[in-house]
């Protein structure tokens, strides 16, 4: 709900994620959250592209559906 507002910047959104993570006991900055998310998106794309190619063995990833 908070993320649908046009007033929030990407940096501000990641800082909000960081605050929620800190409430749960995880000390991580907004920048680190952003970097982790970008890395996960990149890994997802690599696995998805690999699995779509004919003849390749299927790769699995714990976050991949």
Protein backbone atom coordinates (compact mmCIF):
# COMPACT_ATOMS: atom_id res chain seq x y z
CA UNK A 1 0.00 0.00 0.00
CA UNK A 2 2.79 2.43 0.91
CA UNK A 3 4.68 1.60 -2.27
CA UNK A 4 1.81 2.61 -4.58
CA UNK A 5 2.15 6.28 -3.66
CA UNK A 6 3.94 8.33 -6.32
CA UNK A 7 5.70 10.34 -3.61
CA UNK A 8 8.11 7.56 -2.58
CA UNK A 9 11.51 7.25 -4.20
CA UNK A 10 13.16 3.88 -4.69
CA UNK A 11 15.74 4.76 -2.02
CA UNK A 12 13.00 5.70 0.43
CA UNK A 13 11.15 2.43 -0.23
CA UNK A 14 14.29 0.37 0.47
CA UNK A 15 14.85 2.35 3.68
CA UNK A 16 11.32 1.36 4.74
CA UNK A 17 12.13 -2.28 4.00
CA UNK A 18 15.31 -1.89 6.08
CA UNK A 19 13.34 -0.48 9.02
CA UNK A 20 10.94 -3.44 8.93
CA UNK A 21 13.87 -5.88 8.76
CA UNK A 22 15.46 -4.19 11.79
CA UNK A 23 12.19 -4.63 13.71
CA UNK A 24 12.54 -8.37 13.02
CA UNK A 25 16.11 -8.40 14.31
CA UNK A 26 18.01 -8.18 11.00
CA UNK A 27 20.51 -5.32 10.89
CA UNK A 28 20.67 -4.45 7.19
CA UNK A 29 20.71 -1.13 5.36
CA UNK A 30 18.35 -0.06 2.62
CA UNK A 31 21.23 -0.10 0.15
CA UNK A 32 22.08 -3.71 1.08
CA UNK A 33 18.41 -4.70 0.64
CA UNK A 34 18.43 -3.16 -2.83
CA UNK A 35 21.68 -4.91 -3.80
CA UNK A 36 20.36 -8.26 -2.55
CA UNK A 37 17.11 -7.86 -4.47
CA UNK A 38 18.96 -6.93 -7.68
CA UNK A 39 21.22 -10.00 -7.29
CA UNK A 40 18.19 -12.24 -6.79
CA UNK A 41 16.51 -10.81 -9.90
CA UNK A 42 19.69 -11.40 -11.90
CA UNK A 43 19.96 -15.02 -10.66
CA UNK A 44 16.29 -15.62 -11.47
CA UNK A 45 16.77 -14.36 -15.03
CA UNK A 46 19.90 -16.48 -15.58
CA UNK A 47 18.14 -19.64 -14.38
CA UNK A 48 14.95 -18.89 -16.31
CA UNK A 49 16.89 -18.25 -19.54
CA UNK A 50 18.97 -21.40 -19.02
CA UNK A 51 15.89 -23.57 -18.43
CA UNK A 52 14.18 -22.26 -21.58
CA UNK A 53 17.04 -23.38 -23.84
CA UNK A 54 16.55 -26.74 -25.49
CA UNK A 55 18.91 -29.50 -24.36
CA UNK A 56 19.92 -27.90 -21.07
CA UNK A 57 19.44 -29.70 -17.78
CA UNK A 58 16.90 -27.96 -15.56
CA UNK A 59 18.48 -25.76 -12.92
CA UNK A 60 16.74 -25.38 -9.58
CA UNK A 61 16.90 -22.58 -7.04
CA UNK A 62 15.23 -22.45 -3.63
CA UNK A 63 13.48 -19.15 -4.52
CA UNK A 64 12.48 -20.28 -8.01
CA UNK A 65 8.94 -21.51 -8.65
